[in-house]
PDB file of N, CA and C in Angstrom:
ATOM      1  N   MET A   1      84.481 137.913  46.237  1.00  0.00           N
ATOM      2  CA  MET A   1      85.113 136.821  46.259  1.00  0.00           C
ATOM      3  C   MET A   1      84.765 135.759  46.746  1.00  0.00           C
ATOM      4  N   ASN A   2      84.820 134.407  45.653  1.00  0.00           N
ATOM      5  CA  ASN A   2      84.640 133.290  46.100  1.00  0.00           C
ATOM      6  C   ASN A   2      85.002 132.899  47.053  1.00  0.00           C
ATOM      7  N   HIS A   3      84.621 131.817  47.901  1.00  0.00           N
ATOM      8  CA  HIS A   3      84.674 131.273  49.286  1.00  0.00           C
ATOM      9  C   HIS A   3      85.897 130.196  49.280  1.00  0.00           C
ATOM     10  N   ASN A   4      86.835 130.366  50.251  1.00  0.00           N
ATOM     11  CA  ASN A   4      88.370 129.054  50.044  1.00  0.00           C
ATOM     12  C   ASN A   4      87.265 128.094  49.825  1.00  0.00           C
ATOM     13  N   LEU A   5      86.107 127.587  50.373  1.00  0.00           N
ATOM     14  CA  LEU A   5      86.114 125.686  50.297  1.00  0.00           C
ATOM     15  C   LEU A   5      85.143 125.730  48.817  1.00  0.00           C
ATOM     16  N   LEU A   6      85.031 126.624  48.018  1.00  0.00           N
ATOM     17  CA  LEU A   6      84.270 126.429  46.970  1.00  0.00           C
ATOM     18  C   LEU A   6      85.225 125.483  46.199  1.00  0.00           C
ATOM     19  N   GLN A   7      86.145 125.272  45.797  1.00  0.00           N
ATOM     20  CA  GLN A   7      87.263 124.659  44.946  1.00  0.00           C
ATOM     21  C   GLN A   7      87.361 123.347  45.764  1.00  0.00           C
ATOM     22  N   PHE A   8      86.525 122.899  46.542  1.00  0.00           N
ATOM     23  CA  PHE A   8      86.783 121.314  46.572  1.00  0.00           C
ATOM     24  C   PHE A   8      85.195 120.946  46.076  1.00  0.00           C
ATOM     25  N   PHE A   9      84.089 121.716  45.427  1.00  0.00           N
ATOM     26  CA  PHE A   9      82.483 121.624  44.714  1.00  0.00           C
ATOM     27  C   PHE A   9      82.895 121.010  43.210  1.00  0.00           C
ATOM     28  N   SER A  10      83.937 120.808  42.786  1.00  0.00           N
ATOM     29  CA  SER A  10      84.639 121.163  41.719  1.00  0.00           C
ATOM     30  C   SER A  10      83.982 119.633  41.608  1.00  0.00           C
ATOM     31  N   TYR A  11      83.640 119.353  39.977  1.00  0.00           N
ATOM     32  CA  TYR A  11      82.668 118.014  39.521  1.00  0.00           C
ATOM     33  C   TYR A  11      84.224 117.417  38.183  1.00  0.00           C
ATOM     34  N   SER A  12      84.529 118.211  37.702  1.00  0.00           N
ATOM     35  CA  SER A  12      84.976 118.337  36.245  1.00  0.00           C
ATOM     36  C   SER A  12      85.668 116.396  35.741  1.00  0.00           C
ATOM     37  N   HIS A  13      86.695 116.583  36.599  1.00  0.00           N
ATOM     38  CA  HIS A  13      86.957 115.631  37.010  1.00  0.00           C
ATOM     39  C   HIS A  13      86.828 113.994  37.527  1.00  0.00           C
ATOM     40  N   LEU A  14      85.630 113.949  37.884  1.00  0.00           N
ATOM     41  CA  LEU A  14      85.208 112.636  37.995  1.00  0.00           C
ATOM     42  C   LEU A  14      84.275 111.953  37.146  1.00  0.00           C
ATOM     43  N   PRO A  15      83.832 111.101  37.153  1.00  0.00           N
ATOM     44  CA  PRO A  15      83.245 110.091  36.643  1.00  0.00           C
ATOM     45  C   PRO A  15      82.424 110.873  36.445  1.00  0.00           C
ATOM     46  N   GLU A  16      81.143 110.652  34.633  1.00  0.00           N
ATOM     47  CA  GLU A  16      79.869 111.158  34.974  1.00  0.00           C
ATOM     48  C   GLU A  16      78.823 111.116  35.532  1.00  0.00           C
ATOM     49  N   LYS A  17      78.384 109.139  36.229  1.00  0.00           N
ATOM     50  CA  LYS A  17      77.617 109.229  37.132  1.00  0.00           C
ATOM     51  C   LYS A  17      78.545 110.013  38.510  1.00  0.00           C
ATOM     52  N   MET A  18      79.235 110.070  38.824  1.00  0.00           N
ATOM     53  CA  MET A  18      79.463 110.891  40.117  1.00  0.00           C
ATOM     54  C   MET A  18      79.517 112.872  40.223  1.00  0.00           C
ATOM     55  N   GLN A  19      79.609 112.720  38.331  1.00  0.00           N
ATOM     56  CA  GLN A  19      79.673 114.269  37.990  1.00  0.00           C
ATOM     57  C   GLN A  19      78.195 114.813  38.358  1.00  0.00           C
ATOM     58  N   ALA A  20      76.958 113.817  38.036  1.00  0.00           N
ATOM     59  CA  ALA A  20      75.251 114.489  38.235  1.00  0.00           C
ATOM     60  C   ALA A  20      75.242 114.913  39.290  1.00  0.00           C
ATOM     61  N   ILE A  21      75.642 113.833  40.110  1.00  0.00           N
ATOM     62  CA  ILE A  21      75.500 113.655  41.888  1.00  0.00           C
ATOM     63  C   ILE A  21      76.493 115.009  42.849  1.00  0.00           C
ATOM     64  N   SER A  22      77.847 115.297  42.177  1.00  0.00           N
ATOM     65  CA  SER A  22      78.235 116.319  42.811  1.00  0.00           C
ATOM     66  C   SER A  22      77.932 117.537  42.321  1.00  0.00           C
ATOM     67  N   LYS A  23      76.981 117.509  41.079  1.00  0.00           N
ATOM     68  CA  LYS A  23      76.642 118.944  40.633  1.00  0.00           C
ATOM     69  C   LYS A  23      75.458 119.229  41.389  1.00  0.00           C
ATOM     70  N   MET A  24      74.483 118.884  41.459  1.00  0.00           N
ATOM     71  CA  MET A  24      73.529 119.443  42.772  1.00  0.00           C
ATOM     72  C   MET A  24      73.924 120.385  44.026  1.00  0.00           C
ATOM     73  N   PHE A  25      75.158 119.791  44.287  1.00  0.00           N
ATOM     74  CA  PHE A  25      75.894 120.054  45.888  1.00  0.00           C
ATOM     75  C   PHE A  25      76.698 121.775  45.253  1.00  0.00           C
ATOM     76  N   TYR A  26      77.585 121.554  43.732  1.00  0.00           N
ATOM     77  CA  TYR A  26      77.844 122.568  43.719  1.00  0.00           C
ATOM     78  C   TYR A  26      76.694 123.739  43.415  1.00  0.00           C
ATOM     79  N   ASP A  27      75.987 123.475  43.232  1.00  0.00           N
ATOM     80  CA  ASP A  27      74.983 124.462  42.755  1.00  0.00           C
ATOM     81  C   ASP A  27      74.563 125.395  43.765  1.00  0.00           C
ATOM     82  N   THR A  28      73.887 124.327  45.159  1.00  0.00           N
ATOM     83  CA  THR A  28      74.232 124.322  45.868  1.00  0.00           C
ATOM     84  C   THR A  28      75.414 125.145  47.154  1.00  0.00           C
ATOM     85  N   ALA A  29      76.373 125.086  46.245  1.00  0.00           N
ATOM     86  CA  ALA A  29      77.742 126.207  47.414  1.00  0.00           C
ATOM     87  C   ALA A  29      77.503 127.050  46.954  1.00  0.00           C
ATOM     88  N   ILE A  30      76.858 127.355  45.646  1.00  0.00           N
ATOM     89  CA  ILE A  30      77.131 128.785  44.621  1.00  0.00           C
ATOM     90  C   ILE A  30      76.153 129.227  45.278  1.00  0.00           C
ATOM     91  N   LYS A  31      75.375 129.194  45.658  1.00  0.00           N
ATOM     92  CA  LYS A  31      73.867 129.684  45.866  1.00  0.00           C
ATOM     93  C   LYS A  31      74.013 129.792  47.534  1.00  0.00           C
ATOM     94  N   ILE A  32      75.203 129.513  48.309  1.00  0.00           N
ATOM     95  CA  ILE A  32      75.333 129.846  49.459  1.00  0.00           C
ATOM     96  C   ILE A  32      75.587 130.630  49.960  1.00  0.00           C
ATOM     97  N   ASP A  33      77.360 130.602  48.655  1.00  0.00           N
ATOM     98  CA  ASP A  33      78.377 132.007  48.371  1.00  0.00           C
ATOM     99  C   ASP A  33      78.146 133.130  48.030  1.00  0.00           C
ATOM    100  N   ARG A  34      76.345 133.297  46.842  1.00  0.00           N
ATOM    101  CA  ARG A  34      76.332 134.359  46.730  1.00  0.00           C
ATOM    102  C   ARG A  34      75.367 135.019  47.418  1.00  0.00           C
ATOM    103  N   ASN A  35      74.278 134.314  47.978  1.00  0.00           N
ATOM    104  CA  ASN A  35      73.219 134.912  49.325  1.00  0.00           C
ATOM    105  C   ASN A  35      73.791 134.770  50.730  1.00  0.00           C
ATOM    106  N   ILE A  36      74.790 134.348  51.149  1.00  0.00           N
ATOM    107  CA  ILE A  36      74.980 134.632  52.487  1.00  0.00           C
ATOM    108  C   ILE A  36      76.163 135.364  53.376  1.00  0.00           C
ATOM    109  N   ASN A  37      76.457 135.878  53.891  1.00  0.00           N
ATOM    110  CA  ASN A  37      77.541 136.820  54.208  1.00  0.00           C
ATOM    111  C   ASN A  37      77.747 135.780  54.961  1.00  0.00           C
ATOM    112  N   ASN A  38      79.937 136.610  55.205  1.00  0.00           N
ATOM    113  CA  ASN A  38      80.468 135.809  54.972  1.00  0.00           C
ATOM    114  C   ASN A  38      80.962 135.594  56.537  1.00  0.00           C
ATOM    115  N   GLY A  39      80.938 134.648  57.168  1.00  0.00           N
ATOM    116  CA  GLY A  39      81.514 134.102  58.654  1.00  0.00           C
ATOM    117  C   GLY A  39      81.053 132.825  58.821  1.00  0.00           C
ATOM    118  N   PRO A  40      82.356 132.791  60.244  1.00  0.00           N
ATOM    119  CA  PRO A  40      81.927 131.181  60.872  1.00  0.00           C
ATOM    120  C   PRO A  40      80.826 130.134  60.562  1.00  0.00           C
ATOM    121  N   GLU A  41      79.442 131.183  60.335  1.00  0.00           N
ATOM    122  CA  GLU A  41      78.188 130.065  59.903  1.00  0.00           C
ATOM    123  C   GLU A  41      78.117 129.371  58.742  1.00  0.00           C
ATOM    124  N   LYS A  42      78.558 130.647  57.574  1.00  0.00           N
ATOM    125  CA  LYS A  42      78.818 130.533  56.216  1.00  0.00           C
ATOM    126  C   LYS A  42      79.715 129.033  56.080  1.00  0.00           C
ATOM    127  N   THR A  43      80.590 129.116  56.428  1.00  0.00           N
ATOM    128  CA  THR A  43      82.265 128.153  56.156  1.00  0.00           C
ATOM    129  C   THR A  43      81.640 126.717  56.773  1.00  0.00           C
ATOM    130  N   THR A  44      80.691 126.921  58.655  1.00  0.00           N
ATOM    131  CA  THR A  44      80.669 125.683  58.855  1.00  0.00           C
ATOM    132  C   THR A  44      79.188 125.144  57.477  1.00  0.00           C
ATOM    133  N   ALA A  45      78.290 125.921  56.820  1.00  0.00           N
ATOM    134  CA  ALA A  45      77.493 125.821  56.517  1.00  0.00           C
ATOM    135  C   ALA A  45      78.229 125.155  55.281  1.00  0.00           C
ATOM    136  N   LEU A  46      78.952 125.618  55.209  1.00  0.00           N
ATOM    137  CA  LEU A  46      80.124 124.914  53.719  1.00  0.00           C
ATOM    138  C   LEU A  46      80.204 123.884  53.830  1.00  0.00           C
ATOM    139  N   ARG A  47      81.546 123.826  54.893  1.00  0.00           N
ATOM    140  CA  ARG A  47      81.719 122.343  55.444  1.00  0.00           C
ATOM    141  C   ARG A  47      80.895 121.894  55.741  1.00  0.00           C
ATOM    142  N   LYS A  48      79.627 121.752  55.700  1.00  0.00           N
ATOM    143  CA  LYS A  48      79.237 120.392  56.113  1.00  0.00           C
ATOM    144  C   LYS A  48      78.450 120.192  54.660  1.00  0.00           C
ATOM    145  N   LEU A  49      78.228 121.062  53.677  1.00  0.00           N
ATOM    146  CA  LEU A  49      77.195 120.464  52.936  1.00  0.00           C
ATOM    147  C   LEU A  49      78.411 119.814  52.009  1.00  0.00           C
ATOM    148  N   LEU A  50      79.517 120.616  51.909  1.00  0.00           N
ATOM    149  CA  LEU A  50      80.599 119.607  50.843  1.00  0.00           C
ATOM    150  C   LEU A  50      80.970 118.231  52.207  1.00  0.00           C
ATOM    151  N   GLU A  51      81.097 118.320  53.218  1.00  0.00           N
ATOM    152  CA  GLU A  51      80.720 116.254  53.931  1.00  0.00           C
ATOM    153  C   GLU A  51      79.329 115.601  53.573  1.00  0.00           C
ATOM    154  N   ALA A  52      78.207 116.155  53.213  1.00  0.00           N
ATOM    155  CA  ALA A  52      77.383 115.523  53.111  1.00  0.00           C
ATOM    156  C   ALA A  52      77.756 114.978  51.123  1.00  0.00           C
ATOM    157  N   LYS A  53      78.034 115.889  50.247  1.00  0.00           N
ATOM    158  CA  LYS A  53      78.889 115.753  49.103  1.00  0.00           C
ATOM    159  C   LYS A  53      79.840 114.602  49.150  1.00  0.00           C
ATOM    160  N   ASP A  54      80.988 114.806  49.782  1.00  0.00           N
ATOM    161  CA  ASP A  54      81.345 113.717  49.690  1.00  0.00           C
ATOM    162  C   ASP A  54      80.831 112.074  49.946  1.00  0.00           C
ATOM    163  N   CYS A  55      79.928 112.579  50.577  1.00  0.00           N
ATOM    164  CA  CYS A  55      79.545 111.023  51.425  1.00  0.00           C
ATOM    165  C   CYS A  55      78.707 110.678  50.241  1.00  0.00           C
ATOM    166  N   ALA A  56      77.411 111.768  49.582  1.00  0.00           N
ATOM    167  CA  ALA A  56      76.833 111.234  48.947  1.00  0.00           C
ATOM    168  C   ALA A  56      77.489 110.344  47.302  1.00  0.00           C
ATOM    169  N   VAL A  57      78.647 111.287  47.631  1.00  0.00           N
ATOM    170  CA  VAL A  57      79.431 110.365  45.819  1.00  0.00           C
ATOM    171  C   VAL A  57      80.167 109.415  45.940  1.00  0.00           C
ATOM    172  N   ARG A  58      80.391 108.662  47.854  1.00  0.00           N
ATOM    173  CA  ARG A  58      80.944 107.863  47.720  1.00  0.00           C
ATOM    174  C   ARG A  58      79.836 107.298  47.436  1.00  0.00           C
ATOM    175  N   ALA A  59      78.822 107.465  48.191  1.00  0.00           N
ATOM    176  CA  ALA A  59      77.511 106.491  47.927  1.00  0.00           C
ATOM    177  C   ALA A  59      77.422 105.637  46.476  1.00  0.00           C
ATOM    178  N   THR A  60      78.265 106.605  45.374  1.00  0.00           N
ATOM    179  CA  THR A  60      77.520 105.615  44.192  1.00  0.00           C
ATOM    180  C   THR A  60      77.994 104.395  43.891  1.00  0.00           C
ATOM    181  N   ILE A  61      79.734 104.351  44.527  1.00  0.00           N
ATOM    182  CA  ILE A  61      80.609 103.429  44.181  1.00  0.00           C
ATOM    183  C   ILE A  61      80.600 102.527  45.933  1.00  0.00           C
ATOM    184  N   TRP A  62      79.488 102.279  46.256  1.00  0.00           N
ATOM    185  CA  TRP A  62      79.311 101.770  47.776  1.00  0.00           C
ATOM    186  C   TRP A  62      79.345 100.246  47.450  1.00  0.00           C
ATOM    187  N   LYS A  63      79.754  99.797  47.835  1.00  0.00           N
ATOM    188  CA  LYS A  63      79.396  97.819  47.198  1.00  0.00           C
ATOM    189  C   LYS A  63      78.857  97.048  49.203  1.00  0.00           C
ATOM    190  N   SER A  64      77.872  95.723  48.802  1.00  0.00           N
ATOM    191  CA  SER A  64      77.881  95.687  50.082  1.00  0.00           C
ATOM    192  C   SER A  64      79.185  94.578  50.593  1.00  0.00           C
ATOM    193  N   ASP A  65      78.663  94.172  51.041  1.00  0.00           N
ATOM    194  CA  ASP A  65      79.023  93.012  52.039  1.00  0.00           C
ATOM    195  C   ASP A  65      79.428  92.015  51.378  1.00  0.00           C
ATOM    196  N   ALA A  66      78.833  91.652  50.577  1.00  0.00           N
ATOM    197  CA  ALA A  66      78.747  90.353  50.047  1.00  0.00           C
ATOM    198  C   ALA A  66      79.420  90.592  48.432  1.00  0.00           C
ATOM    199  N   ASP A  67      79.333  91.531  47.775  1.00  0.00           N
ATOM    200  CA  ASP A  67      79.795  92.070  47.032  1.00  0.00           C
ATOM    201  C   ASP A  67      81.579  92.814  46.994  1.00  0.00           C
ATOM    202  N   LEU A  68      82.118  92.865  47.901  1.00  0.00           N
ATOM    203  CA  LEU A  68      83.354  93.213  48.640  1.00  0.00           C
ATOM    204  C   LEU A  68      83.602  91.994  48.477  1.00  0.00           C
ATOM    205  N   GLN A  69      83.090  90.946  49.335  1.00  0.00           N
ATOM    206  CA  GLN A  69      83.131  89.183  49.305  1.00  0.00           C
ATOM    207  C   GLN A  69      83.767  88.801  48.057  1.00  0.00           C
ATOM    208  N   ASP A  70      82.669  88.985  47.151  1.00  0.00           N
ATOM    209  CA  ASP A  70      82.725  88.714  45.696  1.00  0.00           C
ATOM    210  C   ASP A  70      84.803  89.312  45.183  1.00  0.00           C
ATOM    211  N   ASP A  71      84.458  90.674  45.330  1.00  0.00           N
ATOM    212  CA  ASP A  71      86.189  91.562  44.323  1.00  0.00           C
ATOM    213  C   ASP A  71      87.082  90.958  45.203  1.00  0.00           C
ATOM    214  N   LEU A  72      87.027  90.277  47.127  1.00  0.00           N
ATOM    215  CA  LEU A  72      88.724  90.039  47.601  1.00  0.00           C
ATOM    216  C   LEU A  72      88.567  87.805  46.980  1.00  0.00           C
ATOM    217  N   ARG A  73      87.801  87.629  47.072  1.00  0.00           N
ATOM    218  CA  ARG A  73      87.771  86.226  46.181  1.00  0.00           C
ATOM    219  C   ARG A  73      87.846  86.430  44.112  1.00  0.00           C
ATOM    220  N   GLU A  74      88.037  87.294  43.659  1.00  0.00           N
ATOM    221  CA  GLU A  74      88.180  87.405  42.354  1.00  0.00           C
ATOM    222  C   GLU A  74      89.507  87.734  42.821  1.00  0.00           C
ATOM    223  N   THR A  75      90.068  88.323  43.448  1.00  0.00           N
ATOM    224  CA  THR A  75      91.192  89.509  43.851  1.00  0.00           C
ATOM    225  C   THR A  75      92.448  87.982  44.041  1.00  0.00           C
ATOM    226  N   GLY A  76      92.128  87.169  45.057  1.00  0.00           N
ATOM    227  CA  GLY A  76      92.705  86.145  45.421  1.00  0.00           C
ATOM    228  C   GLY A  76      93.190  85.035  44.366  1.00  0.00           C
ATOM    229  N   ASP A  77      92.029  85.109  43.672  1.00  0.00           N
ATOM    230  CA  ASP A  77      92.418  83.737  42.374  1.00  0.00           C
ATOM    231  C   ASP A  77      93.298  84.221  41.536  1.00  0.00           C
ATOM    232  N   LYS A  78      93.395  85.534  41.069  1.00  0.00           N
ATOM    233  CA  LYS A  78      94.540  86.026  40.024  1.00  0.00           C
ATOM    234  C   LYS A  78      95.262  86.243  40.740  1.00  0.00           C
ATOM    235  N   SER A  79      96.173  86.710  42.313  1.00  0.00           N
ATOM    236  CA  SER A  79      97.024  86.666  42.561  1.00  0.00           C
ATOM    237  C   SER A  79      97.517  84.803  42.761  1.00  0.00           C
ATOM    238  N   GLU A  80      96.697  83.925  42.635  1.00  0.00           N
ATOM    239  CA  GLU A  80      97.055  82.586  42.863  1.00  0.00           C
ATOM    240  C   GLU A  80      97.929  81.877  41.561  1.00  0.00           C
ATOM    241  N   GLN A  81      97.329  82.796  40.350  1.00  0.00           N
ATOM    242  CA  GLN A  81      97.877  82.437  38.648  1.00  0.00           C
ATOM    243  C   GLN A  81      99.386  82.775  38.744  1.00  0.00           C
TER     244      GLN A  81
END
């Protein structure tokens, strides 16, 4: 039976760019689930991998401070119209 945390490694719902990143973590999670005995350390390994996956996926949409300022300016300009 699959570990409950594997549900959070699904990636088909993500945009293509994020899918490529997320799939690497999914593949690793599957290997961990198949090759490591159930127990608290396996759960911790999967949870920390999930944390890393979330960070890596968010990194694909990360914006620099300058980009954020530009976005805020554009949003402000649109609301003033």
